[in-house]
Amino acid sequence: MEKTLRMSLLFDFYGPLLTERQQNVFDLYFNDDLSLGEIAEELLVSRQAVYDTLRRVGLVLEDFEQKLGLLQKHQERQLIYEEILSLVQLVRSQCGDSPPLTAIEEQIQKARGAS
């Protein structure tokens, strides 16, 4: 998985556990796409301080994931949902279009979005 995408997913799960400053630096770098220099200028700190904060945030997020495994569990659930949807589509192709199957698919799609 691309590092930026992984960091964003980890932040989605564990971001509230970071300090406000760490959240702010992460947001400016990954979401607002500012450079280290731009962030340093905005926060009135050195470029090195921004770099150190981002590095520390990455380590903290990875540590949370190692201990709690929320991202891994989420990805496993997504694979299970995909598998179930494939099976429902297989049943649909063998039995024809059926409203109960549509309801099942809708519930699966809803669960996918919630997890």
PDB file of N, CA and C in Angstrom:
ATOM      1  N   MET A   1       0.846  -1.166   0.000  1.00  0.00           N
ATOM      2  CA  MET A   1       0.000   0.000   0.000  1.00  0.00           C
ATOM      3  C   MET A   1       0.900   1.240   0.000  1.00  0.00           C
ATOM      4  N   GLU A   2       0.539   2.208  -0.805  1.00  0.00           N
ATOM      5  CA  GLU A   2       1.322   3.432  -0.884  1.00  0.00           C
ATOM      6  C   GLU A   2       1.392   4.089   0.495  1.00  0.00           C
ATOM      7  N   LYS A   3       2.562   4.596   0.827  1.00  0.00           N
ATOM      8  CA  LYS A   3       2.788   5.148   2.169  1.00  0.00           C
ATOM      9  C   LYS A   3       1.817   6.278   2.508  1.00  0.00           C
ATOM     10  N   THR A   4       1.576   7.182   1.571  1.00  0.00           N
ATOM     11  CA  THR A   4       0.660   8.302   1.835  1.00  0.00           C
ATOM     12  C   THR A   4      -0.743   7.798   2.117  1.00  0.00           C
ATOM     13  N   LEU A   5      -1.203   6.835   1.323  1.00  0.00           N
ATOM     14  CA  LEU A   5      -2.532   6.271   1.544  1.00  0.00           C
ATOM     15  C   LEU A   5      -2.593   5.566   2.890  1.00  0.00           C
ATOM     16  N   ARG A   6      -1.556   4.809   3.205  1.00  0.00           N
ATOM     17  CA  ARG A   6      -1.526   4.108   4.494  1.00  0.00           C
ATOM     18  C   ARG A   6      -1.565   5.100   5.652  1.00  0.00           C
ATOM     19  N   MET A   7      -0.760   6.160   5.559  1.00  0.00           N
ATOM     20  CA  MET A   7      -0.754   7.168   6.629  1.00  0.00           C
ATOM     21  C   MET A   7      -2.134   7.813   6.775  1.00  0.00           C
ATOM     22  N   SER A   8      -2.785   8.097   5.662  1.00  0.00           N
ATOM     23  CA  SER A   8      -4.118   8.700   5.721  1.00  0.00           C
ATOM     24  C   SER A   8      -5.129   7.759   6.367  1.00  0.00           C
ATOM     25  N   LEU A   9      -5.052   6.476   6.022  1.00  0.00           N
ATOM     26  CA  LEU A   9      -5.963   5.497   6.626  1.00  0.00           C
ATOM     27  C   LEU A   9      -5.680   5.346   8.119  1.00  0.00           C
ATOM     28  N   LEU A  10      -4.406   5.288   8.476  1.00  0.00           N
ATOM     29  CA  LEU A  10      -4.064   5.191   9.891  1.00  0.00           C
ATOM     30  C   LEU A  10      -4.542   6.426  10.641  1.00  0.00           C
ATOM     31  N   PHE A  11      -4.404   7.590  10.017  1.00  0.00           N
ATOM     32  CA  PHE A  11      -4.859   8.825  10.643  1.00  0.00           C
ATOM     33  C   PHE A  11      -6.370   8.815  10.837  1.00  0.00           C
ATOM     34  N   ASP A  12      -7.094   8.247   9.865  1.00  0.00           N
ATOM     35  CA  ASP A  12      -8.552   8.143  10.008  1.00  0.00           C
ATOM     36  C   ASP A  12      -8.926   7.356  11.260  1.00  0.00           C
ATOM     37  N   PHE A  13      -8.176   6.306  11.538  1.00  0.00           N
ATOM     38  CA  PHE A  13      -8.479   5.464  12.698  1.00  0.00           C
ATOM     39  C   PHE A  13      -7.931   6.041  14.000  1.00  0.00           C
ATOM     40  N   TYR A  14      -6.714   6.542  13.960  1.00  0.00           N
ATOM     41  CA  TYR A  14      -6.028   6.901  15.199  1.00  0.00           C
ATOM     42  C   TYR A  14      -5.755   8.393  15.372  1.00  0.00           C
ATOM     43  N   GLY A  15      -6.114   9.198  14.405  1.00  0.00           N
ATOM     44  CA  GLY A  15      -5.848  10.631  14.470  1.00  0.00           C
ATOM     45  C   GLY A  15      -6.294  11.307  15.761  1.00  0.00           C
ATOM     46  N   PRO A  16      -7.492  10.985  16.256  1.00  0.00           N
ATOM     47  CA  PRO A  16      -7.938  11.634  17.501  1.00  0.00           C
ATOM     48  C   PRO A  16      -7.043  11.330  18.712  1.00  0.00           C
ATOM     49  N   LEU A  17      -6.206  10.313  18.609  1.00  0.00           N
ATOM     50  CA  LEU A  17      -5.314   9.968  19.717  1.00  0.00           C
ATOM     51  C   LEU A  17      -4.034  10.798  19.710  1.00  0.00           C
ATOM     52  N   LEU A  18      -3.803  11.526  18.635  1.00  0.00           N
ATOM     53  CA  LEU A  18      -2.620  12.379  18.523  1.00  0.00           C
ATOM     54  C   LEU A  18      -2.880  13.717  19.220  1.00  0.00           C
ATOM     55  N   THR A  19      -1.796  14.422  19.502  1.00  0.00           N
ATOM     56  CA  THR A  19      -1.955  15.765  20.069  1.00  0.00           C
ATOM     57  C   THR A  19      -2.539  16.684  18.995  1.00  0.00           C
ATOM     58  N   GLU A  20      -3.070  17.793  19.430  1.00  0.00           N
ATOM     59  CA  GLU A  20      -3.650  18.756  18.485  1.00  0.00           C
ATOM     60  C   GLU A  20      -2.586  19.246  17.500  1.00  0.00           C
ATOM     61  N   ARG A  21      -1.395  19.491  17.996  1.00  0.00           N
ATOM     62  CA  ARG A  21      -0.292  19.960  17.130  1.00  0.00           C
ATOM     63  C   ARG A  21       0.070  18.892  16.091  1.00  0.00           C
ATOM     64  N   GLN A  22       0.167  17.631  16.525  1.00  0.00           N
ATOM     65  CA  GLN A  22       0.470  16.543  15.593  1.00  0.00           C
ATOM     66  C   GLN A  22      -0.628  16.435  14.531  1.00  0.00           C
ATOM     67  N   GLN A  23      -1.873  16.544  14.949  1.00  0.00           N
ATOM     68  CA  GLN A  23      -2.983  16.488  13.993  1.00  0.00           C
ATOM     69  C   GLN A  23      -2.890  17.624  12.987  1.00  0.00           C
ATOM     70  N   ASN A  24      -2.563  18.809  13.482  1.00  0.00           N
ATOM     71  CA  ASN A  24      -2.466  19.978  12.618  1.00  0.00           C
ATOM     72  C   ASN A  24      -1.344  19.818  11.590  1.00  0.00           C
ATOM     73  N   VAL A  25      -0.179  19.391  12.024  1.00  0.00           N
ATOM     74  CA  VAL A  25       0.953  19.204  11.104  1.00  0.00           C
ATOM     75  C   VAL A  25       0.612  18.123  10.071  1.00  0.00           C
ATOM     76  N   PHE A  26       0.027  17.027  10.529  1.00  0.00           N
ATOM     77  CA  PHE A  26      -0.364  15.955   9.612  1.00  0.00           C
ATOM     78  C   PHE A  26      -1.336  16.486   8.565  1.00  0.00           C
ATOM     79  N   ASP A  27      -2.341  17.208   9.033  1.00  0.00           N
ATOM     80  CA  ASP A  27      -3.369  17.739   8.138  1.00  0.00           C
ATOM     81  C   ASP A  27      -2.762  18.687   7.100  1.00  0.00           C
ATOM     82  N   LEU A  28      -1.891  19.563   7.531  1.00  0.00           N
ATOM     83  CA  LEU A  28      -1.263  20.506   6.602  1.00  0.00           C
ATOM     84  C   LEU A  28      -0.407  19.782   5.564  1.00  0.00           C
ATOM     85  N   TYR A  29       0.295  18.751   5.980  1.00  0.00           N
ATOM     86  CA  TYR A  29       1.191  18.042   5.067  1.00  0.00           C
ATOM     87  C   TYR A  29       0.436  17.102   4.125  1.00  0.00           C
ATOM     88  N   PHE A  30      -0.413  16.251   4.687  1.00  0.00           N
ATOM     89  CA  PHE A  30      -1.060  15.226   3.867  1.00  0.00           C
ATOM     90  C   PHE A  30      -2.350  15.697   3.195  1.00  0.00           C
ATOM     91  N   ASN A  31      -3.132  16.521   3.874  1.00  0.00           N
ATOM     92  CA  ASN A  31      -4.420  16.932   3.302  1.00  0.00           C
ATOM     93  C   ASN A  31      -4.328  18.240   2.524  1.00  0.00           C
ATOM     94  N   ASP A  32      -3.577  19.211   3.063  1.00  0.00           N
ATOM     95  CA  ASP A  32      -3.439  20.491   2.365  1.00  0.00           C
ATOM     96  C   ASP A  32      -2.258  20.505   1.405  1.00  0.00           C
ATOM     97  N   ASP A  33      -1.440  19.443   1.437  1.00  0.00           N
ATOM     98  CA  ASP A  33      -0.316  19.265   0.525  1.00  0.00           C
ATOM     99  C   ASP A  33       0.699  20.402   0.604  1.00  0.00           C
ATOM    100  N   LEU A  34       0.939  20.894   1.821  1.00  0.00           N
ATOM    101  CA  LEU A  34       1.953  21.925   2.004  1.00  0.00           C
ATOM    102  C   LEU A  34       3.320  21.274   2.171  1.00  0.00           C
ATOM    103  N   SER A  35       4.352  21.987   1.777  1.00  0.00           N
ATOM    104  CA  SER A  35       5.716  21.489   1.941  1.00  0.00           C
ATOM    105  C   SER A  35       6.141  21.682   3.394  1.00  0.00           C
ATOM    106  N   LEU A  36       7.245  21.046   3.752  1.00  0.00           N
ATOM    107  CA  LEU A  36       7.778  21.205   5.102  1.00  0.00           C
ATOM    108  C   LEU A  36       8.082  22.674   5.383  1.00  0.00           C
ATOM    109  N   GLY A  37       8.653  23.359   4.407  1.00  0.00           N
ATOM    110  CA  GLY A  37       8.983  24.773   4.554  1.00  0.00           C
ATOM    111  C   GLY A  37       7.738  25.632   4.749  1.00  0.00           C
ATOM    112  N   GLU A  38       6.696  25.351   3.979  1.00  0.00           N
ATOM    113  CA  GLU A  38       5.449  26.118   4.107  1.00  0.00           C
ATOM    114  C   GLU A  38       4.808  25.908   5.477  1.00  0.00           C
ATOM    115  N   ILE A  39       4.833  24.672   5.939  1.00  0.00           N
ATOM    116  CA  ILE A  39       4.270  24.378   7.263  1.00  0.00           C
ATOM    117  C   ILE A  39       5.098  25.076   8.344  1.00  0.00           C
ATOM    118  N   ALA A  40       6.415  25.000   8.217  1.00  0.00           N
ATOM    119  CA  ALA A  40       7.303  25.642   9.183  1.00  0.00           C
ATOM    120  C   ALA A  40       7.028  27.141   9.256  1.00  0.00           C
ATOM    121  N   GLU A  41       6.861  27.742   8.105  1.00  0.00           N
ATOM    122  CA  GLU A  41       6.587  29.182   8.049  1.00  0.00           C
ATOM    123  C   GLU A  41       5.250  29.499   8.709  1.00  0.00           C
ATOM    124  N   GLU A  42       4.256  28.705   8.434  1.00  0.00           N
ATOM    125  CA  GLU A  42       2.919  28.938   8.998  1.00  0.00           C
ATOM    126  C   GLU A  42       2.895  28.746  10.514  1.00  0.00           C
ATOM    127  N   LEU A  43       3.633  27.753  11.003  1.00  0.00           N
ATOM    128  CA  LEU A  43       3.620  27.446  12.436  1.00  0.00           C
ATOM    129  C   LEU A  43       4.742  28.143  13.213  1.00  0.00           C
ATOM    130  N   LEU A  44       5.566  28.887  12.488  1.00  0.00           N
ATOM    131  CA  LEU A  44       6.690  29.610  13.108  1.00  0.00           C
ATOM    132  C   LEU A  44       7.648  28.671  13.836  1.00  0.00           C
ATOM    133  N   VAL A  45       7.991  27.592  13.151  1.00  0.00           N
ATOM    134  CA  VAL A  45       8.968  26.628  13.664  1.00  0.00           C
ATOM    135  C   VAL A  45       9.944  26.317  12.535  1.00  0.00           C
ATOM    136  N   SER A  46      10.958  25.540  12.859  1.00  0.00           N
ATOM    137  CA  SER A  46      11.933  25.181  11.825  1.00  0.00           C
ATOM    138  C   SER A  46      11.382  24.054  10.947  1.00  0.00           C
ATOM    139  N   ARG A  47      11.964  23.978   9.762  1.00  0.00           N
ATOM    140  CA  ARG A  47      11.622  22.887   8.841  1.00  0.00           C
ATOM    141  C   ARG A  47      11.942  21.538   9.487  1.00  0.00           C
ATOM    142  N   GLN A  48      13.023  21.482  10.225  1.00  0.00           N
ATOM    143  CA  GLN A  48      13.433  20.259  10.923  1.00  0.00           C
ATOM    144  C   GLN A  48      12.392  19.860  11.964  1.00  0.00           C
ATOM    145  N   ALA A  49      11.815  20.835  12.655  1.00  0.00           N
ATOM    146  CA  ALA A  49      10.788  20.535  13.660  1.00  0.00           C
ATOM    147  C   ALA A  49       9.559  19.912  12.997  1.00  0.00           C
ATOM    148  N   VAL A  50       9.206  20.410  11.836  1.00  0.00           N
ATOM    149  CA  VAL A  50       8.065  19.847  11.093  1.00  0.00           C
ATOM    150  C   VAL A  50       8.391  18.421  10.674  1.00  0.00           C
ATOM    151  N   TYR A  51       9.579  18.226  10.129  1.00  0.00           N
ATOM    152  CA  TYR A  51      10.012  16.896   9.706  1.00  0.00           C
ATOM    153  C   TYR A  51       9.977  15.916  10.888  1.00  0.00           C
ATOM    154  N   ASP A  52      10.529  16.347  12.024  1.00  0.00           N
ATOM    155  CA  ASP A  52      10.557  15.489  13.214  1.00  0.00           C
ATOM    156  C   ASP A  52       9.139  15.149  13.682  1.00  0.00           C
ATOM    157  N   THR A  53       8.252  16.113  13.633  1.00  0.00           N
ATOM    158  CA  THR A  53       6.861  15.876  14.044  1.00  0.00           C
ATOM    159  C   THR A  53       6.199  14.863  13.117  1.00  0.00           C
ATOM    160  N   LEU A  54       6.382  15.032  11.824  1.00  0.00           N
ATOM    161  CA  LEU A  54       5.779  14.088  10.863  1.00  0.00           C
ATOM    162  C   LEU A  54       6.350  12.679  11.044  1.00  0.00           C
ATOM    163  N   ARG A  55       7.649  12.601  11.272  1.00  0.00           N
ATOM    164  CA  ARG A  55       8.282  11.303  11.484  1.00  0.00           C
ATOM    165  C   ARG A  55       7.727  10.644  12.746  1.00  0.00           C
ATOM    166  N   ARG A  56       7.601  11.430  13.803  1.00  0.00           N
ATOM    167  CA  ARG A  56       7.076  10.929  15.072  1.00  0.00           C
ATOM    168  C   ARG A  56       5.611  10.497  14.905  1.00  0.00           C
ATOM    169  N   VAL A  57       4.833  11.285  14.181  1.00  0.00           N
ATOM    170  CA  VAL A  57       3.429  10.932  13.939  1.00  0.00           C
ATOM    171  C   VAL A  57       3.345   9.594  13.217  1.00  0.00           C
ATOM    172  N   GLY A  58       4.179   9.407  12.214  1.00  0.00           N
ATOM    173  CA  GLY A  58       4.189   8.134  11.489  1.00  0.00           C
ATOM    174  C   GLY A  58       4.501   6.968  12.404  1.00  0.00           C
ATOM    175  N   LEU A  59       5.479   7.144  13.261  1.00  0.00           N
ATOM    176  CA  LEU A  59       5.841   6.077  14.199  1.00  0.00           C
ATOM    177  C   LEU A  59       4.725   5.800  15.202  1.00  0.00           C
ATOM    178  N   VAL A  60       4.100   6.856  15.686  1.00  0.00           N
ATOM    179  CA  VAL A  60       3.008   6.701  16.655  1.00  0.00           C
ATOM    180  C   VAL A  60       1.817   5.991  16.007  1.00  0.00           C
ATOM    181  N   LEU A  61       1.474   6.408  14.793  1.00  0.00           N
ATOM    182  CA  LEU A  61       0.346   5.773  14.091  1.00  0.00           C
ATOM    183  C   LEU A  61       0.618   4.293  13.837  1.00  0.00           C
ATOM    184  N   GLU A  62       1.830   3.979  13.407  1.00  0.00           N
ATOM    185  CA  GLU A  62       2.195   2.578  13.169  1.00  0.00           C
ATOM    186  C   GLU A  62       2.184   1.783  14.468  1.00  0.00           C
ATOM    187  N   ASP A  63       2.590   2.417  15.562  1.00  0.00           N
ATOM    188  CA  ASP A  63       2.581   1.754  16.866  1.00  0.00           C
ATOM    189  C   ASP A  63       1.145   1.437  17.300  1.00  0.00           C
ATOM    190  N   PHE A  64       0.247   2.406  17.113  1.00  0.00           N
ATOM    191  CA  PHE A  64      -1.165   2.160  17.435  1.00  0.00           C
ATOM    192  C   PHE A  64      -1.701   0.994  16.605  1.00  0.00           C
ATOM    193  N   GLU A  65      -1.354   0.982  15.322  1.00  0.00           N
ATOM    194  CA  GLU A  65      -1.840  -0.087  14.446  1.00  0.00           C
ATOM    195  C   GLU A  65      -1.282  -1.435  14.866  1.00  0.00           C
ATOM    196  N   GLN A  66      -0.014  -1.457  15.237  1.00  0.00           N
ATOM    197  CA  GLN A  66       0.594  -2.716  15.675  1.00  0.00           C
ATOM    198  C   GLN A  66      -0.112  -3.246  16.918  1.00  0.00           C
ATOM    199  N   LYS A  67      -0.473  -2.354  17.823  1.00  0.00           N
ATOM    200  CA  LYS A  67      -1.102  -2.774  19.076  1.00  0.00           C
ATOM    201  C   LYS A  67      -2.585  -3.061  18.929  1.00  0.00           C
ATOM    202  N   LEU A  68      -3.287  -2.251  18.119  1.00  0.00           N
ATOM    203  CA  LEU A  68      -4.742  -2.369  18.034  1.00  0.00           C
ATOM    204  C   LEU A  68      -5.246  -3.056  16.765  1.00  0.00           C
ATOM    205  N   GLY A  69      -4.529  -2.891  15.675  1.00  0.00           N
ATOM    206  CA  GLY A  69      -4.868  -3.575  14.429  1.00  0.00           C
ATOM    207  C   GLY A  69      -6.181  -3.169  13.789  1.00  0.00           C
ATOM    208  N   LEU A  70      -6.635  -1.934  14.013  1.00  0.00           N
ATOM    209  CA  LEU A  70      -7.928  -1.517  13.464  1.00  0.00           C
ATOM    210  C   LEU A  70      -7.921  -1.454  11.937  1.00  0.00           C
ATOM    211  N   LEU A  71      -6.845  -0.960  11.348  1.00  0.00           N
ATOM    212  CA  LEU A  71      -6.771  -0.886   9.883  1.00  0.00           C
ATOM    213  C   LEU A  71      -6.759  -2.283   9.281  1.00  0.00           C
ATOM    214  N   GLN A  72      -5.991  -3.183   9.855  1.00  0.00           N
ATOM    215  CA  GLN A  72      -5.933  -4.561   9.362  1.00  0.00           C
ATOM    216  C   GLN A  72      -7.318  -5.220   9.425  1.00  0.00           C
ATOM    217  N   LYS A  73      -8.008  -5.029  10.534  1.00  0.00           N
ATOM    218  CA  LYS A  73      -9.353  -5.599  10.686  1.00  0.00           C
ATOM    219  C   LYS A  73     -10.314  -4.996   9.674  1.00  0.00           C
ATOM    220  N   HIS A  74     -10.189  -3.687   9.453  1.00  0.00           N
ATOM    221  CA  HIS A  74     -11.031  -3.010   8.474  1.00  0.00           C
ATOM    222  C   HIS A  74     -10.802  -3.587   7.071  1.00  0.00           C
ATOM    223  N   GLN A  75      -9.532  -3.774   6.712  1.00  0.00           N
ATOM    224  CA  GLN A  75      -9.218  -4.311   5.385  1.00  0.00           C
ATOM    225  C   GLN A  75      -9.719  -5.745   5.237  1.00  0.00           C
ATOM    226  N   GLU A  76      -9.622  -6.526   6.290  1.00  0.00           N
ATOM    227  CA  GLU A  76     -10.141  -7.898   6.256  1.00  0.00           C
ATOM    228  C   GLU A  76     -11.652  -7.900   6.070  1.00  0.00           C
ATOM    229  N   ARG A  77     -12.342  -6.993   6.773  1.00  0.00           N
ATOM    230  CA  ARG A  77     -13.804  -6.898   6.622  1.00  0.00           C
ATOM    231  C   ARG A  77     -14.172  -6.503   5.202  1.00  0.00           C
ATOM    232  N   GLN A  78     -13.415  -5.575   4.611  1.00  0.00           N
ATOM    233  CA  GLN A  78     -13.699  -5.149   3.243  1.00  0.00           C
ATOM    234  C   GLN A  78     -13.577  -6.320   2.265  1.00  0.00           C
ATOM    235  N   LEU A  79     -12.575  -7.171   2.469  1.00  0.00           N
ATOM    236  CA  LEU A  79     -12.422  -8.357   1.618  1.00  0.00           C
ATOM    237  C   LEU A  79     -13.597  -9.319   1.789  1.00  0.00           C
ATOM    238  N   ILE A  80     -14.058  -9.481   3.022  1.00  0.00           N
ATOM    239  CA  ILE A  80     -15.203 -10.357   3.292  1.00  0.00           C
ATOM    240  C   ILE A  80     -16.450  -9.804   2.615  1.00  0.00           C
ATOM    241  N   TYR A  81     -16.671  -8.483   2.698  1.00  0.00           N
ATOM    242  CA  TYR A  81     -17.823  -7.872   2.033  1.00  0.00           C
ATOM    243  C   TYR A  81     -17.772  -8.095   0.530  1.00  0.00           C
ATOM    244  N   GLU A  82     -16.587  -7.942  -0.052  1.00  0.00           N
ATOM    245  CA  GLU A  82     -16.433  -8.171  -1.489  1.00  0.00           C
ATOM    246  C   GLU A  82     -16.770  -9.623  -1.849  1.00  0.00           C
ATOM    247  N   GLU A  83     -16.304 -10.538  -1.023  1.00  0.00           N
ATOM    248  CA  GLU A  83     -16.572 -11.954  -1.254  1.00  0.00           C
ATOM    249  C   GLU A  83     -18.074 -12.243  -1.168  1.00  0.00           C
ATOM    250  N   ILE A  84     -18.725 -11.693  -0.168  1.00  0.00           N
ATOM    251  CA  ILE A  84     -20.169 -11.902  -0.010  1.00  0.00           C
ATOM    252  C   ILE A  84     -20.926 -11.319  -1.191  1.00  0.00           C
ATOM    253  N   LEU A  85     -20.543 -10.113  -1.615  1.00  0.00           N
ATOM    254  CA  LEU A  85     -21.204  -9.509  -2.777  1.00  0.00           C
ATOM    255  C   LEU A  85     -21.014 -10.366  -4.025  1.00  0.00           C
ATOM    256  N   SER A  86     -19.846 -10.918  -4.200  1.00  0.00           N
ATOM    257  CA  SER A  86     -19.598 -11.798  -5.351  1.00  0.00           C
ATOM    258  C   SER A  86     -20.497 -13.028  -5.297  1.00  0.00           C
ATOM    259  N   LEU A  87     -20.650 -13.593  -4.095  1.00  0.00           N
ATOM    260  CA  LEU A  87     -21.517 -14.764  -3.944  1.00  0.00           C
ATOM    261  C   LEU A  87     -22.976 -14.409  -4.202  1.00  0.00           C
ATOM    262  N   VAL A  88     -23.419 -13.255  -3.737  1.00  0.00           N
ATOM    263  CA  VAL A  88     -24.794 -12.811  -3.990  1.00  0.00           C
ATOM    264  C   VAL A  88     -25.001 -12.626  -5.491  1.00  0.00           C
ATOM    265  N   GLN A  89     -24.026 -12.053  -6.175  1.00  0.00           N
ATOM    266  CA  GLN A  89     -24.136 -11.863  -7.618  1.00  0.00           C
ATOM    267  C   GLN A  89     -24.155 -13.200  -8.351  1.00  0.00           C
ATOM    268  N   LEU A  90     -23.402 -14.178  -7.841  1.00  0.00           N
ATOM    269  CA  LEU A  90     -23.425 -15.515  -8.431  1.00  0.00           C
ATOM    270  C   LEU A  90     -24.808 -16.142  -8.269  1.00  0.00           C
ATOM    271  N   VAL A  91     -25.372 -16.037  -7.082  1.00  0.00           N
ATOM    272  CA  VAL A  91     -26.727 -16.566  -6.839  1.00  0.00           C
ATOM    273  C   VAL A  91     -27.720 -15.848  -7.728  1.00  0.00           C
ATOM    274  N   ARG A  92     -27.585 -14.537  -7.867  1.00  0.00           N
ATOM    275  CA  ARG A  92     -28.488 -13.761  -8.729  1.00  0.00           C
ATOM    276  C   ARG A  92     -28.412 -14.255 -10.172  1.00  0.00           C
ATOM    277  N   SER A  93     -27.203 -14.527 -10.648  1.00  0.00           N
ATOM    278  CA  SER A  93     -27.048 -14.969 -12.037  1.00  0.00           C
ATOM    279  C   SER A  93     -27.658 -16.353 -12.253  1.00  0.00           C
ATOM    280  N   GLN A  94     -27.688 -17.165 -11.201  1.00  0.00           N
ATOM    281  CA  GLN A  94     -28.245 -18.513 -11.328  1.00  0.00           C
ATOM    282  C   GLN A  94     -29.751 -18.553 -11.076  1.00  0.00           C
ATOM    283  N   CYS A  95     -30.260 -17.612 -10.291  1.00  0.00           N
ATOM    284  CA  CYS A  95     -31.678 -17.642  -9.903  1.00  0.00           C
ATOM    285  C   CYS A  95     -32.494 -16.516 -10.516  1.00  0.00           C
ATOM    286  N   GLY A  96     -31.870 -15.610 -11.183  1.00  0.00           N
ATOM    287  CA  GLY A  96     -32.586 -14.468 -11.731  1.00  0.00           C
ATOM    288  C   GLY A  96     -32.622 -13.323 -10.739  1.00  0.00           C
ATOM    289  N   ASP A  97     -33.106 -12.185 -11.236  1.00  0.00           N
ATOM    290  CA  ASP A  97     -33.177 -10.995 -10.394  1.00  0.00           C
ATOM    291  C   ASP A  97     -34.214 -11.214  -9.308  1.00  0.00           C
ATOM    292  N   SER A  98     -33.842 -10.921  -8.091  1.00  0.00           N
ATOM    293  CA  SER A  98     -34.719 -11.191  -6.960  1.00  0.00           C
ATOM    294  C   SER A  98     -34.665 -10.027  -5.973  1.00  0.00           C
ATOM    295  N   PRO A  99     -35.827  -9.472  -5.610  1.00  0.00           N
ATOM    296  CA  PRO A  99     -35.830  -8.378  -4.629  1.00  0.00           C
ATOM    297  C   PRO A  99     -35.141  -8.726  -3.303  1.00  0.00           C
ATOM    298  N   PRO A 100     -35.311  -9.939  -2.752  1.00  0.00           N
ATOM    299  CA  PRO A 100     -34.592 -10.222  -1.502  1.00  0.00           C
ATOM    300  C   PRO A 100     -33.070 -10.121  -1.660  1.00  0.00           C
ATOM    301  N   LEU A 101     -32.549 -10.511  -2.816  1.00  0.00           N
ATOM    302  CA  LEU A 101     -31.111 -10.402  -3.044  1.00  0.00           C
ATOM    303  C   LEU A 101     -30.687  -8.936  -3.120  1.00  0.00           C
ATOM    304  N   THR A 102     -31.519  -8.114  -3.722  1.00  0.00           N
ATOM    305  CA  THR A 102     -31.224  -6.688  -3.790  1.00  0.00           C
ATOM    306  C   THR A 102     -31.153  -6.098  -2.394  1.00  0.00           C
ATOM    307  N   ALA A 103     -32.065  -6.506  -1.518  1.00  0.00           N
ATOM    308  CA  ALA A 103     -32.064  -6.029  -0.140  1.00  0.00           C
ATOM    309  C   ALA A 103     -30.788  -6.470   0.581  1.00  0.00           C
ATOM    310  N   ILE A 104     -30.363  -7.689   0.321  1.00  0.00           N
ATOM    311  CA  ILE A 104     -29.127  -8.193   0.928  1.00  0.00           C
ATOM    312  C   ILE A 104     -27.939  -7.376   0.438  1.00  0.00           C
ATOM    313  N   GLU A 105     -27.897  -7.119  -0.868  1.00  0.00           N
ATOM    314  CA  GLU A 105     -26.798  -6.333  -1.426  1.00  0.00           C
ATOM    315  C   GLU A 105     -26.761  -4.928  -0.822  1.00  0.00           C
ATOM    316  N   GLU A 106     -27.928  -4.331  -0.654  1.00  0.00           N
ATOM    317  CA  GLU A 106     -27.997  -3.001  -0.061  1.00  0.00           C
ATOM    318  C   GLU A 106     -27.480  -3.011   1.375  1.00  0.00           C
ATOM    319  N   GLN A 107     -27.826  -4.042   2.124  1.00  0.00           N
ATOM    320  CA  GLN A 107     -27.352  -4.140   3.499  1.00  0.00           C
ATOM    321  C   GLN A 107     -25.831  -4.325   3.547  1.00  0.00           C
ATOM    322  N   ILE A 108     -25.302  -5.115   2.632  1.00  0.00           N
ATOM    323  CA  ILE A 108     -23.852  -5.319   2.579  1.00  0.00           C
ATOM    324  C   ILE A 108     -23.162  -4.009   2.223  1.00  0.00           C
ATOM    325  N   GLN A 109     -23.684  -3.301   1.227  1.00  0.00           N
ATOM    326  CA  GLN A 109     -23.083  -2.032   0.831  1.00  0.00           C
ATOM    327  C   GLN A 109     -23.126  -1.034   1.994  1.00  0.00           C
ATOM    328  N   LYS A 110     -24.222  -1.027   2.719  1.00  0.00           N
ATOM    329  CA  LYS A 110     -24.358  -0.145   3.880  1.00  0.00           C
ATOM    330  C   LYS A 110     -23.323  -0.495   4.946  1.00  0.00           C
ATOM    331  N   ALA A 111     -23.141  -1.782   5.193  1.00  0.00           N
ATOM    332  CA  ALA A 111     -22.154  -2.251   6.193  1.00  0.00           C
ATOM    333  C   ALA A 111     -20.751  -1.892   5.752  1.00  0.00           C
ATOM    334  N   ARG A 112     -20.466  -1.995   4.460  1.00  0.00           N
ATOM    335  CA  ARG A 112     -19.139  -1.655   3.938  1.00  0.00           C
ATOM    336  C   ARG A 112     -18.807  -0.203   4.212  1.00  0.00           C
ATOM    337  N   GLY A 113     -19.792   0.661   4.021  1.00  0.00           N
ATOM    338  CA  GLY A 113     -19.566   2.090   4.232  1.00  0.00           C
ATOM    339  C   GLY A 113     -19.409   2.443   5.690  1.00  0.00           C
ATOM    340  N   ALA A 114     -20.029   1.665   6.570  1.00  0.00           N
ATOM    341  CA  ALA A 114     -19.991   1.955   8.003  1.00  0.00           C
ATOM    342  C   ALA A 114     -18.722   1.461   8.664  1.00  0.00           C
ATOM    343  N   SER A 115     -18.042   0.490   8.051  1.00  0.00           N
ATOM    344  CA  SER A 115     -16.862  -0.073   8.724  1.00  0.00           C
ATOM    345  C   SER A 115     -15.602   0.633   8.358  1.00  0.00           C
TER     346      SER A 115
END
